[in-house]
Amino acid sequence: MIIGGGDGKDYQVYQEGLQGDYWELSKAMLELAKKNLPKSSLNFQWGYFKQVEDQTYDEIWLHFVLDTMLDSEIMDLLDQLKKSLVPKGSIFFVDFFNPPP
């Protein structure tokens, strides 16, 4: 699952192997992602991620999502994501971080 993948260009090289759900808040970015990832097997979803009972993922990618959320919202999201992972699944974060001094 990809949450916040924007226009999908970062995933174009891998699109033929992509399957699962692609969540995006921006309708315009979601439409671009559909055009940029035509060879994928993704289900494009507009809006906030909603956990579906019995739906699990091997990998979850958060692409510049956490910096847009309050700390309390992040904790709620991470709890939902944990329930959506298979037992040995992984969550990958791509986000802004303060560089070390």
PDB file of N, CA and C in Angstrom:
ATOM      1  N   MET A   1       0.847  -1.162   0.000  1.00  0.00           N
ATOM      2  CA  MET A   1       0.000   0.000   0.000  1.00  0.00           C
ATOM      3  C   MET A   1       0.898   1.232   0.000  1.00  0.00           C
ATOM      4  N   ILE A   2       0.471   2.225  -0.738  1.00  0.00           N
ATOM      5  CA  ILE A   2       1.168   3.507  -0.791  1.00  0.00           C
ATOM      6  C   ILE A   2       0.194   4.570  -0.294  1.00  0.00           C
ATOM      7  N   ILE A   3       0.639   5.358   0.658  1.00  0.00           N
ATOM      8  CA  ILE A   3      -0.175   6.468   1.162  1.00  0.00           C
ATOM      9  C   ILE A   3       0.584   7.753   0.871  1.00  0.00           C
ATOM     10  N   GLY A   4      -0.069   8.673   0.164  1.00  0.00           N
ATOM     11  CA  GLY A   4       0.544   9.958  -0.133  1.00  0.00           C
ATOM     12  C   GLY A   4       1.576   9.880  -1.242  1.00  0.00           C
ATOM     13  N   GLY A   5       1.320   9.093  -2.248  1.00  0.00           N
ATOM     14  CA  GLY A   5       2.284   8.915  -3.333  1.00  0.00           C
ATOM     15  C   GLY A   5       2.297  10.037  -4.362  1.00  0.00           C
ATOM     16  N   GLY A   6       1.425  11.037  -4.182  1.00  0.00           N
ATOM     17  CA  GLY A   6       1.410  12.163  -5.110  1.00  0.00           C
ATOM     18  C   GLY A   6       1.105  11.735  -6.529  1.00  0.00           C
ATOM     19  N   ASP A   7       1.895  12.256  -7.474  1.00  0.00           N
ATOM     20  CA  ASP A   7       1.637  11.999  -8.898  1.00  0.00           C
ATOM     21  C   ASP A   7       2.111  10.628  -9.369  1.00  0.00           C
ATOM     22  N   GLY A   8       2.733   9.854  -8.479  1.00  0.00           N
ATOM     23  CA  GLY A   8       3.143   8.495  -8.807  1.00  0.00           C
ATOM     24  C   GLY A   8       4.453   8.362  -9.559  1.00  0.00           C
ATOM     25  N   LYS A   9       5.073   9.477  -9.934  1.00  0.00           N
ATOM     26  CA  LYS A   9       6.296   9.401 -10.741  1.00  0.00           C
ATOM     27  C   LYS A   9       7.426   8.653 -10.041  1.00  0.00           C
ATOM     28  N   ASP A  10       7.478   8.727  -8.702  1.00  0.00           N
ATOM     29  CA  ASP A  10       8.537   8.035  -7.968  1.00  0.00           C
ATOM     30  C   ASP A  10       8.422   6.521  -8.075  1.00  0.00           C
ATOM     31  N   TYR A  11       7.288   6.025  -8.513  1.00  0.00           N
ATOM     32  CA  TYR A  11       7.044   4.590  -8.581  1.00  0.00           C
ATOM     33  C   TYR A  11       6.981   4.058 -10.009  1.00  0.00           C
ATOM     34  N   GLN A  12       7.189   4.910 -10.993  1.00  0.00           N
ATOM     35  CA  GLN A  12       7.045   4.488 -12.388  1.00  0.00           C
ATOM     36  C   GLN A  12       7.957   3.330 -12.772  1.00  0.00           C
ATOM     37  N   VAL A  13       9.176   3.329 -12.289  1.00  0.00           N
ATOM     38  CA  VAL A  13      10.127   2.283 -12.655  1.00  0.00           C
ATOM     39  C   VAL A  13       9.657   0.913 -12.157  1.00  0.00           C
ATOM     40  N   TYR A  14       8.899   0.910 -11.054  1.00  0.00           N
ATOM     41  CA  TYR A  14       8.463  -0.335 -10.429  1.00  0.00           C
ATOM     42  C   TYR A  14       7.008  -0.693 -10.733  1.00  0.00           C
ATOM     43  N   GLN A  15       6.350   0.106 -11.553  1.00  0.00           N
ATOM     44  CA  GLN A  15       4.893   0.001 -11.664  1.00  0.00           C
ATOM     45  C   GLN A  15       4.376  -1.374 -12.070  1.00  0.00           C
ATOM     46  N   GLU A  16       5.092  -2.108 -12.879  1.00  0.00           N
ATOM     47  CA  GLU A  16       4.590  -3.415 -13.315  1.00  0.00           C
ATOM     48  C   GLU A  16       4.500  -4.409 -12.161  1.00  0.00           C
ATOM     49  N   GLY A  17       5.261  -4.185 -11.107  1.00  0.00           N
ATOM     50  CA  GLY A  17       5.213  -5.071  -9.943  1.00  0.00           C
ATOM     51  C   GLY A  17       4.351  -4.538  -8.812  1.00  0.00           C
ATOM     52  N   LEU A  18       3.713  -3.395  -9.017  1.00  0.00           N
ATOM     53  CA  LEU A  18       2.921  -2.795  -7.946  1.00  0.00           C
ATOM     54  C   LEU A  18       1.487  -3.315  -7.958  1.00  0.00           C
ATOM     55  N   GLN A  19       1.054  -3.727  -6.779  1.00  0.00           N
ATOM     56  CA  GLN A  19      -0.339  -4.117  -6.600  1.00  0.00           C
ATOM     57  C   GLN A  19      -0.751  -3.731  -5.187  1.00  0.00           C
ATOM     58  N   GLY A  20      -2.012  -3.508  -4.990  1.00  0.00           N
ATOM     59  CA  GLY A  20      -2.498  -3.083  -3.677  1.00  0.00           C
ATOM     60  C   GLY A  20      -3.250  -1.777  -3.795  1.00  0.00           C
ATOM     61  N   ASP A  21      -3.194  -0.987  -2.741  1.00  0.00           N
ATOM     62  CA  ASP A  21      -3.944   0.268  -2.688  1.00  0.00           C
ATOM     63  C   ASP A  21      -3.009   1.465  -2.707  1.00  0.00           C
ATOM     64  N   TYR A  22      -3.481   2.525  -3.335  1.00  0.00           N
ATOM     65  CA  TYR A  22      -2.728   3.773  -3.476  1.00  0.00           C
ATOM     66  C   TYR A  22      -3.647   4.884  -2.974  1.00  0.00           C
ATOM     67  N   TRP A  23      -3.350   5.446  -1.810  1.00  0.00           N
ATOM     68  CA  TRP A  23      -4.181   6.484  -1.194  1.00  0.00           C
ATOM     69  C   TRP A  23      -3.568   7.858  -1.406  1.00  0.00           C
ATOM     70  N   GLU A  24      -4.393   8.804  -1.795  1.00  0.00           N
ATOM     71  CA  GLU A  24      -3.929  10.179  -2.013  1.00  0.00           C
ATOM     72  C   GLU A  24      -5.054  11.140  -1.633  1.00  0.00           C
ATOM     73  N   LEU A  25      -4.698  12.209  -0.911  1.00  0.00           N
ATOM     74  CA  LEU A  25      -5.686  13.215  -0.501  1.00  0.00           C
ATOM     75  C   LEU A  25      -6.042  14.178  -1.624  1.00  0.00           C
ATOM     76  N   SER A  26      -5.090  14.444  -2.499  1.00  0.00           N
ATOM     77  CA  SER A  26      -5.310  15.396  -3.583  1.00  0.00           C
ATOM     78  C   SER A  26      -5.916  14.682  -4.790  1.00  0.00           C
ATOM     79  N   LYS A  27      -7.093  15.105  -5.186  1.00  0.00           N
ATOM     80  CA  LYS A  27      -7.770  14.511  -6.355  1.00  0.00           C
ATOM     81  C   LYS A  27      -6.918  14.697  -7.617  1.00  0.00           C
ATOM     82  N   ALA A  28      -6.309  15.896  -7.745  1.00  0.00           N
ATOM     83  CA  ALA A  28      -5.479  16.177  -8.924  1.00  0.00           C
ATOM     84  C   ALA A  28      -4.257  15.250  -8.964  1.00  0.00           C
ATOM     85  N   MET A  29      -3.602  15.047  -7.828  1.00  0.00           N
ATOM     86  CA  MET A  29      -2.439  14.157  -7.777  1.00  0.00           C
ATOM     87  C   MET A  29      -2.843  12.713  -8.036  1.00  0.00           C
ATOM     88  N   LEU A  30      -4.008  12.321  -7.538  1.00  0.00           N
ATOM     89  CA  LEU A  30      -4.484  10.963  -7.767  1.00  0.00           C
ATOM     90  C   LEU A  30      -4.724  10.715  -9.255  1.00  0.00           C
ATOM     91  N   GLU A  31      -5.296  11.690  -9.932  1.00  0.00           N
ATOM     92  CA  GLU A  31      -5.529  11.543 -11.377  1.00  0.00           C
ATOM     93  C   GLU A  31      -4.209  11.448 -12.136  1.00  0.00           C
ATOM     94  N   LEU A  32      -3.209  12.226 -11.705  1.00  0.00           N
ATOM     95  CA  LEU A  32      -1.882  12.132 -12.330  1.00  0.00           C
ATOM     96  C   LEU A  32      -1.258  10.760 -12.078  1.00  0.00           C
ATOM     97  N   ALA A  33      -1.416  10.251 -10.856  1.00  0.00           N
ATOM     98  CA  ALA A  33      -0.865   8.933 -10.528  1.00  0.00           C
ATOM     99  C   ALA A  33      -1.477   7.854 -11.418  1.00  0.00           C
ATOM    100  N   LYS A  34      -2.774   7.935 -11.651  1.00  0.00           N
ATOM    101  CA  LYS A  34      -3.423   6.964 -12.535  1.00  0.00           C
ATOM    102  C   LYS A  34      -2.816   7.010 -13.932  1.00  0.00           C
ATOM    103  N   LYS A  35      -2.530   8.219 -14.420  1.00  0.00           N
ATOM    104  CA  LYS A  35      -1.933   8.368 -15.751  1.00  0.00           C
ATOM    105  C   LYS A  35      -0.474   7.919 -15.766  1.00  0.00           C
ATOM    106  N   ASN A  36       0.250   8.173 -14.660  1.00  0.00           N
ATOM    107  CA  ASN A  36       1.673   7.852 -14.603  1.00  0.00           C
ATOM    108  C   ASN A  36       1.966   6.393 -14.263  1.00  0.00           C
ATOM    109  N   LEU A  37       0.966   5.664 -13.787  1.00  0.00           N
ATOM    110  CA  LEU A  37       1.176   4.264 -13.405  1.00  0.00           C
ATOM    111  C   LEU A  37       0.183   3.330 -14.108  1.00  0.00           C
ATOM    112  N   PRO A  38       0.077   3.433 -15.427  1.00  0.00           N
ATOM    113  CA  PRO A  38      -0.929   2.643 -16.136  1.00  0.00           C
ATOM    114  C   PRO A  38      -0.649   1.136 -16.152  1.00  0.00           C
ATOM    115  N   LYS A  39       0.591   0.742 -15.930  1.00  0.00           N
ATOM    116  CA  LYS A  39       0.949  -0.679 -15.984  1.00  0.00           C
ATOM    117  C   LYS A  39       0.890  -1.343 -14.606  1.00  0.00           C
ATOM    118  N   SER A  40       0.511  -0.565 -13.584  1.00  0.00           N
ATOM    119  CA  SER A  40       0.427  -1.130 -12.238  1.00  0.00           C
ATOM    120  C   SER A  40      -0.920  -1.828 -12.048  1.00  0.00           C
ATOM    121  N   SER A  41      -0.999  -2.583 -10.968  1.00  0.00           N
ATOM    122  CA  SER A  41      -2.264  -3.218 -10.587  1.00  0.00           C
ATOM    123  C   SER A  41      -2.767  -2.597  -9.289  1.00  0.00           C
ATOM    124  N   LEU A  42      -2.647  -1.278  -9.197  1.00  0.00           N
ATOM    125  CA  LEU A  42      -3.039  -0.560  -7.990  1.00  0.00           C
ATOM    126  C   LEU A  42      -4.518  -0.177  -8.025  1.00  0.00           C
ATOM    127  N   ASN A  43      -5.122  -0.167  -6.853  1.00  0.00           N
ATOM    128  CA  ASN A  43      -6.473   0.357  -6.668  1.00  0.00           C
ATOM    129  C   ASN A  43      -6.307   1.776  -6.129  1.00  0.00           C
ATOM    130  N   PHE A  44      -6.669   2.766  -6.901  1.00  0.00           N
ATOM    131  CA  PHE A  44      -6.463   4.153  -6.524  1.00  0.00           C
ATOM    132  C   PHE A  44      -7.621   4.629  -5.648  1.00  0.00           C
ATOM    133  N   GLN A  45      -7.266   5.161  -4.485  1.00  0.00           N
ATOM    134  CA  GLN A  45      -8.246   5.596  -3.494  1.00  0.00           C
ATOM    135  C   GLN A  45      -8.037   7.072  -3.179  1.00  0.00           C
ATOM    136  N   TRP A  46      -9.119   7.833  -3.200  1.00  0.00           N
ATOM    137  CA  TRP A  46      -9.045   9.259  -2.886  1.00  0.00           C
ATOM    138  C   TRP A  46      -9.549   9.482  -1.473  1.00  0.00           C
ATOM    139  N   GLY A  47      -8.761  10.195  -0.669  1.00  0.00           N
ATOM    140  CA  GLY A  47      -9.171  10.523   0.692  1.00  0.00           C
ATOM    141  C   GLY A  47      -8.169  10.016   1.708  1.00  0.00           C
ATOM    142  N   TYR A  48      -8.611  10.001   2.958  1.00  0.00           N
ATOM    143  CA  TYR A  48      -7.785   9.506   4.054  1.00  0.00           C
ATOM    144  C   TYR A  48      -7.814   7.985   4.074  1.00  0.00           C
ATOM    145  N   PHE A  49      -6.682   7.395   4.446  1.00  0.00           N
ATOM    146  CA  PHE A  49      -6.611   5.939   4.553  1.00  0.00           C
ATOM    147  C   PHE A  49      -7.653   5.444   5.551  1.00  0.00           C
ATOM    148  N   LYS A  50      -8.363   4.406   5.155  1.00  0.00           N
ATOM    149  CA  LYS A  50      -9.340   3.758   6.026  1.00  0.00           C
ATOM    150  C   LYS A  50      -8.990   2.287   6.108  1.00  0.00           C
ATOM    151  N   GLN A  51      -8.754   1.839   7.321  1.00  0.00           N
ATOM    152  CA  GLN A  51      -8.427   0.429   7.523  1.00  0.00           C
ATOM    153  C   GLN A  51      -9.637  -0.431   7.189  1.00  0.00           C
ATOM    154  N   VAL A  52      -9.384  -1.478   6.432  1.00  0.00           N
ATOM    155  CA  VAL A  52     -10.427  -2.438   6.078  1.00  0.00           C
ATOM    156  C   VAL A  52     -10.128  -3.734   6.821  1.00  0.00           C
ATOM    157  N   GLU A  53     -11.110  -4.211   7.562  1.00  0.00           N
ATOM    158  CA  GLU A  53     -10.920  -5.431   8.329  1.00  0.00           C
ATOM    159  C   GLU A  53     -10.531  -6.573   7.396  1.00  0.00           C
ATOM    160  N   ASP A  54      -9.587  -7.369   7.814  1.00  0.00           N
ATOM    161  CA  ASP A  54      -9.083  -8.522   7.060  1.00  0.00           C
ATOM    162  C   ASP A  54      -8.277  -8.140   5.819  1.00  0.00           C
ATOM    163  N   GLN A  55      -8.005  -6.872   5.592  1.00  0.00           N
ATOM    164  CA  GLN A  55      -7.140  -6.441   4.487  1.00  0.00           C
ATOM    165  C   GLN A  55      -5.750  -6.199   5.062  1.00  0.00           C
ATOM    166  N   THR A  56      -4.764  -6.938   4.586  1.00  0.00           N
ATOM    167  CA  THR A  56      -3.400  -6.768   5.087  1.00  0.00           C
ATOM    168  C   THR A  56      -2.434  -6.531   3.934  1.00  0.00           C
ATOM    169  N   TYR A  57      -1.297  -5.983   4.283  1.00  0.00           N
ATOM    170  CA  TYR A  57      -0.283  -5.614   3.288  1.00  0.00           C
ATOM    171  C   TYR A  57       1.081  -6.117   3.731  1.00  0.00           C
ATOM    172  N   ASP A  58       1.901  -6.477   2.757  1.00  0.00           N
ATOM    173  CA  ASP A  58       3.291  -6.865   3.034  1.00  0.00           C
ATOM    174  C   ASP A  58       4.139  -5.636   3.315  1.00  0.00           C
ATOM    175  N   GLU A  59       3.862  -4.574   2.583  1.00  0.00           N
ATOM    176  CA  GLU A  59       4.608  -3.319   2.728  1.00  0.00           C
ATOM    177  C   GLU A  59       3.635  -2.153   2.702  1.00  0.00           C
ATOM    178  N   ILE A  60       3.975  -1.135   3.502  1.00  0.00           N
ATOM    179  CA  ILE A  60       3.235   0.128   3.487  1.00  0.00           C
ATOM    180  C   ILE A  60       4.259   1.236   3.305  1.00  0.00           C
ATOM    181  N   TRP A  61       4.011   2.093   2.336  1.00  0.00           N
ATOM    182  CA  TRP A  61       4.900   3.212   2.038  1.00  0.00           C
ATOM    183  C   TRP A  61       4.190   4.518   2.380  1.00  0.00           C
ATOM    184  N   LEU A  62       4.814   5.318   3.219  1.00  0.00           N
ATOM    185  CA  LEU A  62       4.322   6.657   3.575  1.00  0.00           C
ATOM    186  C   LEU A  62       5.269   7.667   2.960  1.00  0.00           C
ATOM    187  N   HIS A  63       4.812   8.322   1.945  1.00  0.00           N
ATOM    188  CA  HIS A  63       5.643   9.227   1.159  1.00  0.00           C
ATOM    189  C   HIS A  63       5.293  10.676   1.506  1.00  0.00           C
ATOM    190  N   PHE A  64       6.078  11.302   2.352  1.00  0.00           N
ATOM    191  CA  PHE A  64       5.867  12.684   2.778  1.00  0.00           C
ATOM    192  C   PHE A  64       4.454  12.898   3.325  1.00  0.00           C
ATOM    193  N   VAL A  65       4.083  12.066   4.287  1.00  0.00           N
ATOM    194  CA  VAL A  65       2.763  12.141   4.910  1.00  0.00           C
ATOM    195  C   VAL A  65       2.852  12.657   6.337  1.00  0.00           C
ATOM    196  N   LEU A  66       3.797  12.149   7.101  1.00  0.00           N
ATOM    197  CA  LEU A  66       3.847  12.445   8.529  1.00  0.00           C
ATOM    198  C   LEU A  66       4.038  13.923   8.830  1.00  0.00           C
ATOM    199  N   ASP A  67       4.762  14.643   7.982  1.00  0.00           N
ATOM    200  CA  ASP A  67       5.002  16.065   8.251  1.00  0.00           C
ATOM    201  C   ASP A  67       3.734  16.909   8.091  1.00  0.00           C
ATOM    202  N   THR A  68       2.673  16.332   7.546  1.00  0.00           N
ATOM    203  CA  THR A  68       1.418  17.060   7.366  1.00  0.00           C
ATOM    204  C   THR A  68       0.447  16.803   8.516  1.00  0.00           C
ATOM    205  N   MET A  69       0.869  15.997   9.504  1.00  0.00           N
ATOM    206  CA  MET A  69      -0.044  15.548  10.561  1.00  0.00           C
ATOM    207  C   MET A  69       0.402  16.024  11.934  1.00  0.00           C
ATOM    208  N   LEU A  70      -0.569  16.133  12.837  1.00  0.00           N
ATOM    209  CA  LEU A  70      -0.279  16.385  14.243  1.00  0.00           C
ATOM    210  C   LEU A  70       0.252  15.104  14.870  1.00  0.00           C
ATOM    211  N   ASP A  71       1.028  15.237  15.954  1.00  0.00           N
ATOM    212  CA  ASP A  71       1.593  14.047  16.603  1.00  0.00           C
ATOM    213  C   ASP A  71       0.514  13.035  16.985  1.00  0.00           C
ATOM    214  N   SER A  72      -0.616  13.516  17.505  1.00  0.00           N
ATOM    215  CA  SER A  72      -1.689  12.598  17.905  1.00  0.00           C
ATOM    216  C   SER A  72      -2.269  11.869  16.690  1.00  0.00           C
ATOM    217  N   GLU A  73      -2.346  12.542  15.566  1.00  0.00           N
ATOM    218  CA  GLU A  73      -2.841  11.903  14.341  1.00  0.00           C
ATOM    219  C   GLU A  73      -1.865  10.846  13.841  1.00  0.00           C
ATOM    220  N   ILE A  74      -0.570  11.131  13.990  1.00  0.00           N
ATOM    221  CA  ILE A  74       0.453  10.167  13.573  1.00  0.00           C
ATOM    222  C   ILE A  74       0.322   8.882  14.371  1.00  0.00           C
ATOM    223  N   MET A  75       0.129   9.018  15.670  1.00  0.00           N
ATOM    224  CA  MET A  75       0.004   7.826  16.515  1.00  0.00           C
ATOM    225  C   MET A  75      -1.225   7.004  16.124  1.00  0.00           C
ATOM    226  N   ASP A  76      -2.337   7.667  15.844  1.00  0.00           N
ATOM    227  CA  ASP A  76      -3.548   6.956  15.410  1.00  0.00           C
ATOM    228  C   ASP A  76      -3.311   6.236  14.082  1.00  0.00           C
ATOM    229  N   LEU A  77      -2.668   6.939  13.144  1.00  0.00           N
ATOM    230  CA  LEU A  77      -2.384   6.331  11.846  1.00  0.00           C
ATOM    231  C   LEU A  77      -1.478   5.120  12.001  1.00  0.00           C
ATOM    232  N   LEU A  78      -0.418   5.251  12.791  1.00  0.00           N
ATOM    233  CA  LEU A  78       0.510   4.137  12.976  1.00  0.00           C
ATOM    234  C   LEU A  78      -0.181   2.933  13.615  1.00  0.00           C
ATOM    235  N   ASP A  79      -1.101   3.178  14.530  1.00  0.00           N
ATOM    236  CA  ASP A  79      -1.868   2.071  15.123  1.00  0.00           C
ATOM    237  C   ASP A  79      -2.692   1.359  14.057  1.00  0.00           C
ATOM    238  N   GLN A  80      -3.352   2.120  13.184  1.00  0.00           N
ATOM    239  CA  GLN A  80      -4.135   1.520  12.105  1.00  0.00           C
ATOM    240  C   GLN A  80      -3.246   0.744  11.138  1.00  0.00           C
ATOM    241  N   LEU A  81      -2.102   1.334  10.806  1.00  0.00           N
ATOM    242  CA  LEU A  81      -1.197   0.683   9.861  1.00  0.00           C
ATOM    243  C   LEU A  81      -0.651  -0.624  10.420  1.00  0.00           C
ATOM    244  N   LYS A  82      -0.336  -0.617  11.709  1.00  0.00           N
ATOM    245  CA  LYS A  82       0.179  -1.833  12.335  1.00  0.00           C
ATOM    246  C   LYS A  82      -0.834  -2.975  12.207  1.00  0.00           C
ATOM    247  N   LYS A  83      -2.102  -2.663  12.354  1.00  0.00           N
ATOM    248  CA  LYS A  83      -3.156  -3.670  12.218  1.00  0.00           C
ATOM    249  C   LYS A  83      -3.327  -4.127  10.772  1.00  0.00           C
ATOM    250  N   SER A  84      -2.830  -3.317   9.845  1.00  0.00           N
ATOM    251  CA  SER A  84      -2.981  -3.631   8.422  1.00  0.00           C
ATOM    252  C   SER A  84      -1.791  -4.382   7.840  1.00  0.00           C
ATOM    253  N   LEU A  85      -0.765  -4.609   8.641  1.00  0.00           N
ATOM    254  CA  LEU A  85       0.433  -5.314   8.171  1.00  0.00           C
ATOM    255  C   LEU A  85       0.353  -6.807   8.431  1.00  0.00           C
ATOM    256  N   VAL A  86       0.918  -7.579   7.519  1.00  0.00           N
ATOM    257  CA  VAL A  86       1.107  -8.997   7.798  1.00  0.00           C
ATOM    258  C   VAL A  86       2.142  -9.099   8.922  1.00  0.00           C
ATOM    259  N   PRO A  87       2.219 -10.240   9.617  1.00  0.00           N
ATOM    260  CA  PRO A  87       3.122 -10.343  10.776  1.00  0.00           C
ATOM    261  C   PRO A  87       4.565  -9.884  10.542  1.00  0.00           C
ATOM    262  N   LYS A  88       5.156 -10.176   9.411  1.00  0.00           N
ATOM    263  CA  LYS A  88       6.548  -9.750   9.171  1.00  0.00           C
ATOM    264  C   LYS A  88       6.609  -8.622   8.144  1.00  0.00           C
ATOM    265  N   GLY A  89       5.533  -7.830   8.061  1.00  0.00           N
ATOM    266  CA  GLY A  89       5.474  -6.737   7.104  1.00  0.00           C
ATOM    267  C   GLY A  89       6.343  -5.557   7.515  1.00  0.00           C
ATOM    268  N   SER A  90       6.509  -4.623   6.594  1.00  0.00           N
ATOM    269  CA  SER A  90       7.369  -3.456   6.819  1.00  0.00           C
ATOM    270  C   SER A  90       6.640  -2.167   6.469  1.00  0.00           C
ATOM    271  N   ILE A  91       6.973  -1.120   7.219  1.00  0.00           N
ATOM    272  CA  ILE A  91       6.504   0.225   6.896  1.00  0.00           C
ATOM    273  C   ILE A  91       7.727   1.040   6.504  1.00  0.00           C
ATOM    274  N   PHE A  92       7.654   1.717   5.374  1.00  0.00           N
ATOM    275  CA  PHE A  92       8.744   2.548   4.883  1.00  0.00           C
ATOM    276  C   PHE A  92       8.299   4.007   4.941  1.00  0.00           C
ATOM    277  N   PHE A  93       9.144   4.838   5.539  1.00  0.00           N
ATOM    278  CA  PHE A  93       8.855   6.253   5.671  1.00  0.00           C
ATOM    279  C   PHE A  93       9.775   7.051   4.759  1.00  0.00           C
ATOM    280  N   VAL A  94       9.207   7.957   4.013  1.00  0.00           N
ATOM    281  CA  VAL A  94       9.976   8.939   3.259  1.00  0.00           C
ATOM    282  C   VAL A  94       9.438  10.272   3.738  1.00  0.00           C
ATOM    283  N   ASP A  95      10.262  11.047   4.397  1.00  0.00           N
ATOM    284  CA  ASP A  95       9.758  12.292   4.954  1.00  0.00           C
ATOM    285  C   ASP A  95      10.905  13.254   5.213  1.00  0.00           C
ATOM    286  N   PHE A  96      10.560  14.432   5.676  1.00  0.00           N
ATOM    287  CA  PHE A  96      11.538  15.453   6.016  1.00  0.00           C
ATOM    288  C   PHE A  96      12.040  15.209   7.432  1.00  0.00           C
ATOM    289  N   PHE A  97      13.331  15.303   7.624  1.00  0.00           N
ATOM    290  CA  PHE A  97      13.921  15.169   8.933  1.00  0.00           C
ATOM    291  C   PHE A  97      14.948  16.276   9.120  1.00  0.00           C
ATOM    292  N   ASN A  98      15.073  16.779  10.348  1.00  0.00           N
ATOM    293  CA  ASN A  98      16.107  17.770  10.637  1.00  0.00           C
ATOM    294  C   ASN A  98      17.469  17.090  10.524  1.00  0.00           C
ATOM    295  N   PRO A  99      18.396  17.679   9.778  1.00  0.00           N
ATOM    296  CA  PRO A  99      19.728  17.065   9.674  1.00  0.00           C
ATOM    297  C   PRO A  99      20.461  17.161  10.999  1.00  0.00           C
ATOM    298  N   PRO A 100      21.268  16.148  11.302  1.00  0.00           N
ATOM    299  CA  PRO A 100      22.053  16.219  12.547  1.00  0.00           C
ATOM    300  C   PRO A 100      23.067  17.347  12.473  1.00  0.00           C
ATOM    301  N   PRO A 101      23.405  17.913  13.628  1.00  0.00           N
ATOM    302  CA  PRO A 101      24.398  19.026  13.620  1.00  0.00           C
ATOM    303  C   PRO A 101      25.777  18.561  13.194  1.00  0.00           C
TER     304      PRO A 101
END
